[in-house]
């Protein structure tokens, strides 16, 4: 599976939300930095070439839909980030968020509780 650009990820978020859409539907969902219709169409076709989406043809119009589940992409994205930036250590990930004050003591206690109850 090829890595996605930021814009491709944004388009995938829209497709996961809509489940199936024509380019005009995707364009309507984009609020910031709207691409030109033709540019968006090219991005969607690139996503298809990369194996993230497929389409159903209605004459000259195509309705696109994701063929990669959001959960599968998220898992791959996080595993790659953890491997590349945290030496494959989830402890390092949690430490990073604690140092950056992005996670509270209460949230850490909830995580510990989840881990303990899973056993």
Protein backbone atom coordinates (compact mmCIF):
# COMPACT_ATOMS: atom_id res chain seq x y z
CA UNK A 1 0.00 0.00 0.00
CA UNK A 2 1.51 3.32 -1.09
CA UNK A 3 1.74 6.27 1.29
CA UNK A 4 -0.85 8.98 0.79
CA UNK A 5 -0.21 12.69 0.47
CA UNK A 6 -1.97 15.05 2.89
CA UNK A 7 -4.52 16.00 0.22
CA UNK A 8 -5.14 12.33 -0.64
CA UNK A 9 -5.74 11.59 3.05
CA UNK A 10 -8.20 14.49 3.19
CA UNK A 11 -10.07 13.05 0.19
CA UNK A 12 -10.08 9.58 1.76
CA UNK A 13 -11.60 11.06 4.95
CA UNK A 14 -14.44 12.43 2.81
CA UNK A 15 -14.92 9.11 0.99
CA UNK A 16 -14.94 7.15 4.25
CA UNK A 17 -17.58 9.56 5.55
CA UNK A 18 -19.76 9.48 2.43
CA UNK A 19 -19.06 5.80 1.61
CA UNK A 20 -19.58 6.49 -2.11
CA UNK A 21 -19.49 9.75 -4.02
CA UNK A 22 -19.09 11.49 -7.32
CA UNK A 23 -16.27 14.04 -7.61
CA UNK A 24 -18.81 16.88 -7.20
CA UNK A 25 -19.98 15.34 -3.90
CA UNK A 26 -16.40 15.17 -2.62
CA UNK A 27 -15.79 18.77 -3.69
CA UNK A 28 -18.88 19.90 -1.78
CA UNK A 29 -17.47 18.39 1.44
CA UNK A 30 -14.12 20.17 1.26
CA UNK A 31 -14.23 23.40 3.25
CA UNK A 32 -10.60 24.59 3.30
CA UNK A 33 -8.37 25.08 0.29
CA UNK A 34 -10.89 23.74 -2.25
CA UNK A 35 -9.11 22.29 -5.29
CA UNK A 36 -10.35 22.86 -8.82
CA UNK A 37 -12.76 20.12 -9.99
CA UNK A 38 -10.22 18.71 -12.49
CA UNK A 39 -7.47 18.66 -9.85
CA UNK A 40 -9.75 16.79 -7.46
CA UNK A 41 -10.69 14.34 -10.20
CA UNK A 42 -6.98 13.65 -10.79
CA UNK A 43 -6.39 13.09 -7.05
CA UNK A 44 -9.28 10.61 -6.90
CA UNK A 45 -7.94 8.72 -9.93
CA UNK A 46 -4.51 8.62 -8.23
CA UNK A 47 -6.18 7.10 -5.16
CA UNK A 48 -7.68 4.51 -7.47
CA UNK A 49 -4.26 3.80 -9.03
CA UNK A 50 -2.81 3.37 -5.52
CA UNK A 51 -5.54 0.84 -4.66
CA UNK A 52 -7.48 2.90 -2.12
CA UNK A 53 -10.67 3.47 -4.10
CA UNK A 54 -12.62 1.93 -6.95
CA UNK A 55 -15.51 3.21 -9.02
CA UNK A 56 -18.77 2.35 -10.69
CA UNK A 57 -19.18 3.89 -14.14
CA UNK A 58 -22.43 5.59 -15.09
CA UNK A 59 -21.69 6.51 -18.69
CA UNK A 60 -18.86 9.05 -18.54
CA UNK A 61 -19.44 9.74 -14.83
CA UNK A 62 -17.81 7.69 -12.10
CA UNK A 63 -19.00 7.12 -8.56
CA UNK A 64 -16.05 6.37 -6.27
CA UNK A 65 -15.96 4.33 -3.09
CA UNK A 66 -13.17 3.31 -0.68
CA UNK A 67 -11.88 -0.24 -0.87
CA UNK A 68 -9.54 0.21 2.10
CA UNK A 69 -11.30 0.44 5.46
CA UNK A 70 -10.54 3.48 7.59
CA UNK A 71 -9.60 1.20 10.50
CA UNK A 72 -7.07 -0.69 8.36
CA UNK A 73 -5.48 2.55 7.16
CA UNK A 74 -5.40 3.96 10.70
CA UNK A 75 -3.71 0.82 12.03
CA UNK A 76 -1.07 0.93 9.29
CA UNK A 77 -0.53 4.68 9.74
CA UNK A 78 -0.07 4.39 13.52
CA UNK A 79 2.16 1.33 13.29
CA UNK A 80 4.41 3.12 10.79
CA UNK A 81 4.53 6.30 12.91
CA UNK A 82 5.29 4.33 16.08
CA UNK A 83 8.02 2.37 14.30
CA UNK A 84 9.57 5.47 12.70
CA UNK A 85 9.29 8.02 15.52
CA UNK A 86 9.06 6.04 18.77
CA UNK A 87 11.41 3.06 18.23
CA UNK A 88 8.41 0.70 17.99
CA UNK A 89 7.59 1.45 21.65
CA UNK A 90 4.09 2.23 22.81
CA UNK A 91 5.61 3.30 26.13
CA UNK A 92 7.52 5.99 24.24
CA UNK A 93 4.27 7.10 22.58
CA UNK A 94 2.45 7.46 25.91
CA UNK A 95 5.49 9.22 27.44
CA UNK A 96 5.55 11.65 24.54
CA UNK A 97 1.88 12.56 25.01
CA UNK A 98 2.34 12.87 28.78
CA UNK A 99 5.34 15.21 28.36
CA UNK A 100 3.43 17.27 25.80
CA UNK A 101 0.49 17.41 28.25
CA UNK A 102 -1.79 15.86 25.61
CA UNK A 103 -2.98 13.14 27.98
CA UNK A 104 -4.22 13.52 31.55
CA UNK A 105 -3.59 11.38 34.61
CA UNK A 106 -7.26 10.36 34.51
CA UNK A 107 -6.90 9.20 30.89
CA UNK A 108 -3.75 7.24 31.81
CA UNK A 109 -5.66 5.58 34.64
CA UNK A 110 -8.43 4.66 32.17
CA UNK A 111 -5.84 3.11 29.85
CA UNK A 112 -4.32 1.11 32.73
CA UNK A 113 -7.82 -0.03 33.71
CA UNK A 114 -8.51 -1.15 30.13
CA UNK A 115 -5.26 -3.11 30.05
CA UNK A 116 -5.83 -4.74 33.42
CA UNK A 117 -9.42 -5.74 32.59
CA UNK A 118 -8.41 -7.22 29.25
CA UNK A 119 -6.42 -9.97 31.01
